Amino acid sequence: MKTSLRPALLLLFTAFTTCCTGVAAAQHLDVGAKPISGAEMILDGSRQMLDEKWTYWEGPRFGSALPIKWKIVNDPVDKGPVVQTDDPAAAGGKYGAADIVTKKAYRDFRLHIEFAVMNTNGNSGVYLQNRYEIQVCDGDKTSHGMGAVINETASPYHLYTGLGKWNAYDINFRAARFRDGKLTEQARVSMYFNGTKVHTNVPIAQVWGGPNSGIDGGNDGGKGITDVPGGLKLQCEGHDVRYRNAWIKELDLKDASTDF
């Protein structure tokens, strides 16, 4: 009896271990995820962290002034403070006028960030290296829409939770590579949206939106990527979008793979 039970017990133990490992992994890939080992919290909803780790991106359309005018407001769902993309300079959808960017610049990284769109057609954006936009836009299901690597992938809109609810992007990003000053490998990104994988090692061809959208946007129609790191940028377009629980871990991805 003991001998015959061993294979069954081994299978049961393997299934249990796999299940627990999957649960542990999922805890880092959805709303409310806590920072992984080695990650730095960059946005906790407090004014102190906002001023300490962020500043305005002073691009060609910049129209605001420090200190950052974005507001600290109550979480619309849970307890605690969150950051609201509210700046008069961006009224009417004038992106680039009051976008904020981390003071620290990054190359390869793992990012977790949560957002809630409060009004119909509310628009913002998460910019990797202040270059490549992961769209945040209620109502847009196109390649320019919610969760898309803007203009480069389809929108996984069906995973969006809707107005006034929290959503999470979990991103692995690898910066473009250069040799002798020339681009040899495009930037790549993989992403989970609310715990479901939606992008796997997607190459990013260019910076979209022109010079007002981020660094390198005005170079060769957005294709003139340069070999400099960039901060994480959040876009202000005069809409009520809230952010919280953003953390980032620097990586060094030797191979051209960003898969989790």
C-alpha atoms as a PDB file:
ATOM      1  CA  MET A   1       0.000   0.000   0.000  1.00  0.00           C
ATOM      2  CA  LYS A   2       2.777   2.447   0.895  1.00  0.00           C
ATOM      3  CA  THR A   3       4.537   1.862  -2.433  1.00  0.00           C
ATOM      4  CA  SER A   4       1.370   2.370  -4.471  1.00  0.00           C
ATOM      5  CA  LEU A   5       0.554   5.600  -2.657  1.00  0.00           C
ATOM      6  CA  ARG A   6       3.874   7.277  -3.406  1.00  0.00           C
ATOM      7  CA  PRO A   7       3.130   8.294  -7.045  1.00  0.00           C
ATOM      8  CA  ALA A   8      -0.273   9.691  -6.050  1.00  0.00           C
ATOM      9  CA  LEU A   9       1.207  11.625  -3.146  1.00  0.00           C
ATOM     10  CA  LEU A  10       3.966  12.962  -5.355  1.00  0.00           C
ATOM     11  CA  LEU A  11       1.433  14.172  -7.944  1.00  0.00           C
ATOM     12  CA  LEU A  12      -0.646  15.790  -5.193  1.00  0.00           C
ATOM     13  CA  PHE A  13       2.400  17.576  -3.768  1.00  0.00           C
ATOM     14  CA  THR A  14       3.446  18.790  -7.234  1.00  0.00           C
ATOM     15  CA  ALA A  15      -0.035  20.132  -7.951  1.00  0.00           C
ATOM     16  CA  PHE A  16      -0.142  21.893  -4.589  1.00  0.00           C
ATOM     17  CA  THR A  17       3.289  23.457  -5.122  1.00  0.00           C
ATOM     18  CA  THR A  18       2.391  24.621  -8.630  1.00  0.00           C
ATOM     19  CA  CYS A  19      -0.867  26.105  -7.389  1.00  0.00           C
ATOM     20  CA  CYS A  20       0.805  27.991  -4.550  1.00  0.00           C
ATOM     21  CA  THR A  21       3.559  29.266  -6.843  1.00  0.00           C
ATOM     22  CA  GLY A  22       0.955  30.518  -9.301  1.00  0.00           C
ATOM     23  CA  VAL A  23      -0.927  32.327  -6.535  1.00  0.00           C
ATOM     24  CA  ALA A  24       2.298  33.920  -5.314  1.00  0.00           C
ATOM     25  CA  ALA A  25       3.110  35.107  -8.826  1.00  0.00           C
ATOM     26  CA  ALA A  26      -0.402  36.481  -9.333  1.00  0.00           C
ATOM     27  CA  GLN A  27      -0.078  38.599  -6.191  1.00  0.00           C
ATOM     28  CA  HIS A  28       2.494  40.712  -8.028  1.00  0.00           C
ATOM     29  CA  LEU A  29       0.424  41.060 -11.196  1.00  0.00           C
ATOM     30  CA  ASP A  30      -2.808  42.800 -10.286  1.00  0.00           C
ATOM     31  CA  VAL A  31      -4.396  45.641  -8.352  1.00  0.00           C
ATOM     32  CA  GLY A  32      -2.977  45.960  -4.859  1.00  0.00           C
ATOM     33  CA  ALA A  33       0.298  44.212  -5.646  1.00  0.00           C
ATOM     34  CA  LYS A  34       3.050  44.882  -3.151  1.00  0.00           C
ATOM     35  CA  PRO A  35       6.566  45.776  -4.319  1.00  0.00           C
ATOM     36  CA  ILE A  36       8.742  42.822  -5.260  1.00  0.00           C
ATOM     37  CA  SER A  37      12.170  42.391  -3.703  1.00  0.00           C
ATOM     38  CA  GLY A  38      14.507  45.175  -4.786  1.00  0.00           C
ATOM     39  CA  ALA A  39      11.735  47.452  -6.079  1.00  0.00           C
ATOM     40  CA  GLU A  40      11.424  51.128  -5.163  1.00  0.00           C
ATOM     41  CA  MET A  41       8.089  52.751  -4.387  1.00  0.00           C
ATOM     42  CA  ILE A  42       7.792  55.867  -6.557  1.00  0.00           C
ATOM     43  CA  LEU A  43       4.154  56.884  -6.043  1.00  0.00           C
ATOM     44  CA  ASP A  44       2.246  56.151  -2.849  1.00  0.00           C
ATOM     45  CA  GLY A  45      -0.334  58.935  -3.102  1.00  0.00           C
ATOM     46  CA  SER A  46       1.434  61.275  -0.717  1.00  0.00           C
ATOM     47  CA  ARG A  47       2.484  64.849  -1.474  1.00  0.00           C
ATOM     48  CA  GLN A  48       5.884  64.134   0.042  1.00  0.00           C
ATOM     49  CA  MET A  49       6.705  61.331  -2.404  1.00  0.00           C
ATOM     50  CA  LEU A  50       5.253  63.234  -5.357  1.00  0.00           C
ATOM     51  CA  ASP A  51       7.530  66.204  -4.707  1.00  0.00           C
ATOM     52  CA  GLU A  52      10.520  64.079  -3.740  1.00  0.00           C
ATOM     53  CA  LYS A  53      10.587  61.739  -6.729  1.00  0.00           C
ATOM     54  CA  TRP A  54       8.779  63.587  -9.538  1.00  0.00           C
ATOM     55  CA  THR A  55       9.009  66.835 -11.446  1.00  0.00           C
ATOM     56  CA  TYR A  56       7.461  68.358 -14.546  1.00  0.00           C
ATOM     57  CA  TRP A  57       8.697  67.338 -17.966  1.00  0.00           C
ATOM     58  CA  GLU A  58       9.744  70.632 -19.521  1.00  0.00           C
ATOM     59  CA  GLY A  59       9.086  69.804 -23.150  1.00  0.00           C
ATOM     60  CA  PRO A  60       8.288  72.302 -25.923  1.00  0.00           C
ATOM     61  CA  ARG A  61       4.669  72.736 -24.784  1.00  0.00           C
ATOM     62  CA  PHE A  62       5.359  72.987 -21.036  1.00  0.00           C
ATOM     63  CA  GLY A  63       3.090  75.565 -19.432  1.00  0.00           C
ATOM     64  CA  SER A  64       3.032  74.978 -15.693  1.00  0.00           C
ATOM     65  CA  ALA A  65       5.495  75.665 -12.871  1.00  0.00           C
ATOM     66  CA  LEU A  66       6.805  73.934  -9.779  1.00  0.00           C
ATOM     67  CA  PRO A  67       5.673  72.898  -7.273  1.00  0.00           C
ATOM     68  CA  ILE A  68       3.648  70.216  -9.062  1.00  0.00           C
ATOM     69  CA  LYS A  69       0.014  71.305  -9.340  1.00  0.00           C
ATOM     70  CA  TRP A  70      -1.417  67.790  -9.481  1.00  0.00           C
ATOM     71  CA  LYS A  71      -3.692  67.219  -6.494  1.00  0.00           C
ATOM     72  CA  ILE A  72      -3.598  64.731  -3.639  1.00  0.00           C
ATOM     73  CA  VAL A  73      -7.161  63.462  -3.163  1.00  0.00           C
ATOM     74  CA  ASN A  74      -8.944  60.647  -1.357  1.00  0.00           C
ATOM     75  CA  ASP A  75      -8.965  57.210  -2.938  1.00  0.00           C
ATOM     76  CA  PRO A  76     -12.353  56.812  -4.719  1.00  0.00           C
ATOM     77  CA  VAL A  77     -12.538  53.123  -3.766  1.00  0.00           C
ATOM     78  CA  ASP A  78     -10.284  52.358  -0.806  1.00  0.00           C
ATOM     79  CA  LYS A  79      -8.830  54.331   2.077  1.00  0.00           C
ATOM     80  CA  GLY A  80      -5.816  56.541   1.646  1.00  0.00           C
ATOM     81  CA  PRO A  81      -4.507  59.315  -0.636  1.00  0.00           C
ATOM     82  CA  VAL A  82      -3.980  59.109  -4.402  1.00  0.00           C
ATOM     83  CA  VAL A  83      -2.611  61.460  -7.036  1.00  0.00           C
ATOM     84  CA  GLN A  84      -5.002  63.217  -9.439  1.00  0.00           C
ATOM     85  CA  THR A  85      -3.950  64.480 -12.890  1.00  0.00           C
ATOM     86  CA  ASP A  86      -5.408  67.919 -12.329  1.00  0.00           C
ATOM     87  CA  ASP A  87      -3.376  70.872 -13.668  1.00  0.00           C
ATOM     88  CA  PRO A  88      -4.909  73.998 -15.245  1.00  0.00           C
ATOM     89  CA  ALA A  89      -2.104  74.181 -17.820  1.00  0.00           C
ATOM     90  CA  ALA A  90      -3.376  70.993 -19.498  1.00  0.00           C
ATOM     91  CA  ALA A  91      -7.021  72.082 -19.784  1.00  0.00           C
ATOM     92  CA  GLY A  92      -8.593  71.121 -23.092  1.00  0.00           C
ATOM     93  CA  GLY A  93      -6.388  68.072 -23.584  1.00  0.00           C
ATOM     94  CA  LYS A  94      -3.103  69.933 -23.973  1.00  0.00           C
ATOM     95  CA  TYR A  95      -0.751  67.032 -23.341  1.00  0.00           C
ATOM     96  CA  GLY A  96       2.853  67.975 -22.705  1.00  0.00           C
ATOM     97  CA  ALA A  97       1.848  71.117 -20.845  1.00  0.00           C
ATOM     98  CA  ALA A  98       1.853  69.585 -17.348  1.00  0.00           C
ATOM     99  CA  ASP A  99       3.076  65.989 -17.599  1.00  0.00           C
ATOM    100  CA  ILE A 100       5.147  64.709 -14.680  1.00  0.00           C
ATOM    101  CA  VAL A 101       8.262  62.544 -14.909  1.00  0.00           C
ATOM    102  CA  THR A 102      10.429  60.776 -12.356  1.00  0.00           C
ATOM    103  CA  LYS A 103      13.592  62.601 -11.432  1.00  0.00           C
ATOM    104  CA  LYS A 104      15.426  59.315 -11.855  1.00  0.00           C
ATOM    105  CA  ALA A 105      16.008  57.956 -15.364  1.00  0.00           C
ATOM    106  CA  TYR A 106      15.821  54.249 -16.221  1.00  0.00           C
ATOM    107  CA  ARG A 107      16.941  51.762 -18.849  1.00  0.00           C
ATOM    108  CA  ASP A 108      15.534  48.242 -18.301  1.00  0.00           C
ATOM    109  CA  PHE A 109      12.940  47.838 -15.562  1.00  0.00           C
ATOM    110  CA  ARG A 110       9.944  46.079 -14.064  1.00  0.00           C
ATOM    111  CA  LEU A 111       7.046  48.430 -13.315  1.00  0.00           C
ATOM    112  CA  HIS A 112       3.760  48.174 -11.460  1.00  0.00           C
ATOM    113  CA  ILE A 113       1.307  51.077 -11.560  1.00  0.00           C
ATOM    114  CA  GLU A 114      -2.402  51.480 -10.792  1.00  0.00           C
ATOM    115  CA  PHE A 115      -4.854  53.979 -12.256  1.00  0.00           C
ATOM    116  CA  ALA A 116      -8.546  54.875 -12.118  1.00  0.00           C
ATOM    117  CA  VAL A 117     -10.300  56.883 -14.837  1.00  0.00           C
ATOM    118  CA  MET A 118     -13.068  58.929 -13.261  1.00  0.00           C
ATOM    119  CA  ASN A 119     -14.959  60.386 -16.236  1.00  0.00           C
ATOM    120  CA  THR A 120     -16.147  59.243 -19.659  1.00  0.00           C
ATOM    121  CA  ASN A 121     -13.368  59.465 -22.279  1.00  0.00           C
ATOM    122  CA  GLY A 122     -10.851  60.288 -19.563  1.00  0.00           C
ATOM    123  CA  ASN A 123      -7.344  60.235 -21.002  1.00  0.00           C
ATOM    124  CA  SER A 124      -3.816  59.975 -19.625  1.00  0.00           C
ATOM    125  CA  GLY A 125      -0.844  57.750 -20.404  1.00  0.00           C
ATOM    126  CA  VAL A 126       2.085  55.879 -18.888  1.00  0.00           C
ATOM    127  CA  TYR A 127       5.314  56.661 -20.754  1.00  0.00           C
ATOM    128  CA  LEU A 128       8.208  54.228 -20.523  1.00  0.00           C
ATOM    129  CA  GLN A 129      11.516  56.113 -20.578  1.00  0.00           C
ATOM    130  CA  ASN A 130       9.452  59.232 -21.388  1.00  0.00           C
ATOM    131  CA  ARG A 131       9.250  57.774 -24.907  1.00  0.00           C
ATOM    132  CA  TYR A 132       6.874  54.879 -25.378  1.00  0.00           C
ATOM    133  CA  GLU A 133       3.257  55.300 -24.302  1.00  0.00           C
ATOM    134  CA  ILE A 134       1.050  52.650 -22.774  1.00  0.00           C
ATOM    135  CA  GLN A 135      -2.320  54.261 -23.306  1.00  0.00           C
ATOM    136  CA  VAL A 136      -4.837  55.081 -20.582  1.00  0.00           C
ATOM    137  CA  CYS A 137      -8.053  56.135 -22.316  1.00  0.00           C
ATOM    138  CA  ASP A 138     -11.657  55.323 -21.439  1.00  0.00           C
ATOM    139  CA  GLY A 139     -13.843  54.404 -24.402  1.00  0.00           C
ATOM    140  CA  ASP A 140     -11.062  53.802 -26.947  1.00  0.00           C
ATOM    141  CA  LYS A 141     -10.738  50.199 -28.130  1.00  0.00           C
ATOM    142  CA  THR A 142      -8.425  50.883 -31.076  1.00  0.00           C
ATOM    143  CA  SER A 143      -4.645  50.548 -31.319  1.00  0.00           C
ATOM    144  CA  HIS A 144      -4.614  54.055 -29.827  1.00  0.00           C
ATOM    145  CA  GLY A 145      -6.772  52.861 -26.934  1.00  0.00           C
ATOM    146  CA  MET A 146      -6.704  51.496 -23.417  1.00  0.00           C
ATOM    147  CA  GLY A 147      -3.786  49.205 -22.639  1.00  0.00           C
ATOM    148  CA  ALA A 148      -2.273  49.427 -26.116  1.00  0.00           C
ATOM    149  CA  VAL A 149       1.393  49.998 -26.781  1.00  0.00           C
ATOM    150  CA  ILE A 150       0.183  53.064 -28.575  1.00  0.00           C
ATOM    151  CA  ASN A 151      -0.235  52.598 -32.343  1.00  0.00           C
ATOM    152  CA  GLU A 152       1.731  49.333 -32.184  1.00  0.00           C
ATOM    153  CA  THR A 153      -0.658  46.760 -30.647  1.00  0.00           C
ATOM    154  CA  ALA A 154      -4.354  46.123 -30.265  1.00  0.00           C
ATOM    155  CA  SER A 155      -6.123  47.395 -27.154  1.00  0.00           C
ATOM    156  CA  PRO A 156      -6.977  44.713 -24.553  1.00  0.00           C
ATOM    157  CA  TYR A 157     -10.025  46.809 -23.683  1.00  0.00           C
ATOM    158  CA  HIS A 158     -12.094  43.863 -22.448  1.00  0.00           C
ATOM    159  CA  LEU A 159      -9.886  43.709 -19.332  1.00  0.00           C
ATOM    160  CA  TYR A 160     -10.551  47.329 -18.346  1.00  0.00           C
ATOM    161  CA  THR A 161     -12.658  47.513 -15.155  1.00  0.00           C
ATOM    162  CA  GLY A 162     -14.489  50.722 -16.061  1.00  0.00           C
ATOM    163  CA  LEU A 163     -14.943  54.207 -14.653  1.00  0.00           C
ATOM    164  CA  GLY A 164     -14.073  54.850 -11.029  1.00  0.00           C
ATOM    165  CA  LYS A 165     -12.381  51.473 -10.543  1.00  0.00           C
ATOM    166  CA  TRP A 166      -8.719  50.599 -10.159  1.00  0.00           C
ATOM    167  CA  ASN A 167      -6.688  48.982 -12.899  1.00  0.00           C
ATOM    168  CA  ALA A 168      -3.103  47.733 -12.883  1.00  0.00           C
ATOM    169  CA  TYR A 169      -0.349  47.594 -15.470  1.00  0.00           C
ATOM    170  CA  ASP A 170       2.569  45.264 -14.773  1.00  0.00           C
ATOM    171  CA  ILE A 171       5.361  45.848 -17.241  1.00  0.00           C
ATOM    172  CA  ASN A 172       8.746  44.394 -18.114  1.00  0.00           C
ATOM    173  CA  PHE A 173      10.658  46.817 -20.325  1.00  0.00           C
ATOM    174  CA  ARG A 174      13.975  46.519 -22.155  1.00  0.00           C
ATOM    175  CA  ALA A 175      15.494  49.682 -23.592  1.00  0.00           C
ATOM    176  CA  ALA A 176      16.709  49.976 -27.163  1.00  0.00           C
ATOM    177  CA  ARG A 177      20.281  48.822 -27.774  1.00  0.00           C
ATOM    178  CA  PHE A 178      22.990  50.632 -29.694  1.00  0.00           C
ATOM    179  CA  ARG A 179      26.404  49.914 -31.169  1.00  0.00           C
ATOM    180  CA  ASP A 180      28.767  52.699 -32.158  1.00  0.00           C
ATOM    181  CA  GLY A 181      25.916  55.159 -31.685  1.00  0.00           C
ATOM    182  CA  LYS A 182      23.550  53.324 -34.051  1.00  0.00           C
ATOM    183  CA  LEU A 183      20.333  51.548 -33.097  1.00  0.00           C
ATOM    184  CA  THR A 184      20.778  47.777 -33.286  1.00  0.00           C
ATOM    185  CA  GLU A 185      17.784  46.470 -31.267  1.00  0.00           C
ATOM    186  CA  GLN A 186      14.395  48.066 -30.744  1.00  0.00           C
ATOM    187  CA  ALA A 187      12.946  48.565 -27.286  1.00  0.00           C
ATOM    188  CA  ARG A 188      10.717  45.707 -26.144  1.00  0.00           C
ATOM    189  CA  VAL A 189       7.897  45.341 -23.645  1.00  0.00           C
ATOM    190  CA  SER A 190       5.741  42.647 -22.052  1.00  0.00           C
ATOM    191  CA  MET A 191       2.682  43.530 -19.994  1.00  0.00           C
ATOM    192  CA  TYR A 192      -0.050  42.190 -17.762  1.00  0.00           C
ATOM    193  CA  PHE A 193      -3.314  44.155 -17.538  1.00  0.00           C
ATOM    194  CA  ASN A 194      -5.248  43.442 -14.347  1.00  0.00           C
ATOM    195  CA  GLY A 195      -3.475  40.120 -13.929  1.00  0.00           C
ATOM    196  CA  THR A 196      -3.826  38.887 -17.520  1.00  0.00           C
ATOM    197  CA  LYS A 197      -0.934  38.850 -19.968  1.00  0.00           C
ATOM    198  CA  VAL A 198      -1.725  41.071 -22.953  1.00  0.00           C
ATOM    199  CA  HIS A 199       1.637  41.879 -24.586  1.00  0.00           C
ATOM    200  CA  THR A 200       4.568  39.504 -24.974  1.00  0.00           C
ATOM    201  CA  ASN A 201       7.971  40.871 -25.945  1.00  0.00           C
ATOM    202  CA  VAL A 202       6.526  43.473 -28.313  1.00  0.00           C
ATOM    203  CA  PRO A 203       9.160  45.463 -30.258  1.00  0.00           C
ATOM    204  CA  ILE A 204       8.446  49.209 -30.245  1.00  0.00           C
ATOM    205  CA  ALA A 205       9.206  50.925 -33.533  1.00  0.00           C
ATOM    206  CA  GLN A 206       9.083  54.591 -32.631  1.00  0.00           C
ATOM    207  CA  VAL A 207       8.058  57.436 -30.340  1.00  0.00           C
ATOM    208  CA  TRP A 208       4.552  58.566 -31.316  1.00  0.00           C
ATOM    209  CA  GLY A 209       2.942  61.955 -30.836  1.00  0.00           C
ATOM    210  CA  GLY A 210       5.714  64.281 -31.912  1.00  0.00           C
ATOM    211  CA  PRO A 211       8.018  66.442 -29.788  1.00  0.00           C
ATOM    212  CA  ASN A 212       5.277  67.233 -27.252  1.00  0.00           C
ATOM    213  CA  SER A 213       4.927  63.556 -26.332  1.00  0.00           C
ATOM    214  CA  GLY A 214       8.376  62.811 -24.903  1.00  0.00           C
ATOM    215  CA  ILE A 215      12.100  62.694 -25.495  1.00  0.00           C
ATOM    216  CA  ASP A 216      13.105  61.751 -29.056  1.00  0.00           C
ATOM    217  CA  GLY A 217       9.576  62.469 -30.280  1.00  0.00           C
ATOM    218  CA  GLY A 218      10.845  65.251 -32.511  1.00  0.00           C
ATOM    219  CA  ASN A 219      13.703  63.219 -33.990  1.00  0.00           C
ATOM    220  CA  ASP A 220      13.094  61.814 -37.480  1.00  0.00           C
ATOM    221  CA  GLY A 221       9.354  61.509 -37.014  1.00  0.00           C
ATOM    222  CA  GLY A 222       9.801  59.677 -33.736  1.00  0.00           C
ATOM    223  CA  LYS A 223      12.142  57.070 -35.209  1.00  0.00           C
ATOM    224  CA  GLY A 224      15.327  58.828 -34.143  1.00  0.00           C
ATOM    225  CA  ILE A 225      15.705  57.071 -30.801  1.00  0.00           C
ATOM    226  CA  THR A 226      18.779  58.051 -28.808  1.00  0.00           C
ATOM    227  CA  ASP A 227      20.884  56.050 -26.380  1.00  0.00           C
ATOM    228  CA  VAL A 228      19.950  57.896 -23.208  1.00  0.00           C
ATOM    229  CA  PRO A 229      17.844  56.631 -20.298  1.00  0.00           C
ATOM    230  CA  GLY A 230      14.539  58.313 -19.481  1.00  0.00           C
ATOM    231  CA  GLY A 231      12.158  58.704 -16.585  1.00  0.00           C
ATOM    232  CA  LEU A 232       8.726  57.211 -16.136  1.00  0.00           C
ATOM    233  CA  LYS A 233       6.232  59.856 -17.247  1.00  0.00           C
ATOM    234  CA  LEU A 234       2.528  60.270 -16.491  1.00  0.00           C
ATOM    235  CA  GLN A 235       0.479  62.350 -18.889  1.00  0.00           C
ATOM    236  CA  CYS A 236      -1.897  65.143 -17.942  1.00  0.00           C
ATOM    237  CA  GLU A 237      -4.596  65.931 -20.520  1.00  0.00           C
ATOM    238  CA  GLY A 238      -7.055  67.927 -18.432  1.00  0.00           C
ATOM    239  CA  HIS A 239      -8.945  64.780 -17.391  1.00  0.00           C
ATOM    240  CA  ASP A 240      -9.579  63.325 -13.942  1.00  0.00           C
ATOM    241  CA  VAL A 241      -7.378  60.234 -13.848  1.00  0.00           C
ATOM    242  CA  ARG A 242      -5.965  59.000 -10.533  1.00  0.00           C
ATOM    243  CA  TYR A 243      -2.745  57.094  -9.835  1.00  0.00           C
ATOM    244  CA  ARG A 244      -1.483  55.082  -6.884  1.00  0.00           C
ATOM    245  CA  ASN A 245       0.800  52.196  -5.885  1.00  0.00           C
ATOM    246  CA  ALA A 246       3.553  52.669  -8.449  1.00  0.00           C
ATOM    247  CA  TRP A 247       6.819  50.822  -7.903  1.00  0.00           C
ATOM    248  CA  ILE A 248       9.774  50.048 -10.126  1.00  0.00           C
ATOM    249  CA  LYS A 249      12.764  47.730 -10.106  1.00  0.00           C
ATOM    250  CA  GLU A 250      15.791  48.345 -12.286  1.00  0.00           C
ATOM    251  CA  LEU A 251      16.842  45.367 -14.407  1.00  0.00           C
ATOM    252  CA  ASP A 252      19.665  44.472 -16.755  1.00  0.00           C
ATOM    253  CA  LEU A 253      18.135  42.351 -19.499  1.00  0.00           C
ATOM    254  CA  LYS A 254      21.048  40.954 -21.500  1.00  0.00           C
ATOM    255  CA  ASP A 255      18.859  39.038 -23.940  1.00  0.00           C
ATOM    256  CA  ALA A 256      16.226  40.619 -26.166  1.00  0.00           C
ATOM    257  CA  SER A 257      13.395  39.215 -24.065  1.00  0.00           C
ATOM    258  CA  THR A 258      11.028  40.897 -21.635  1.00  0.00           C
ATOM    259  CA  ASP A 259       8.786  37.945 -20.885  1.00  0.00           C
ATOM    260  CA  PHE A 260       7.883  37.456 -17.228  1.00  0.00           C
END
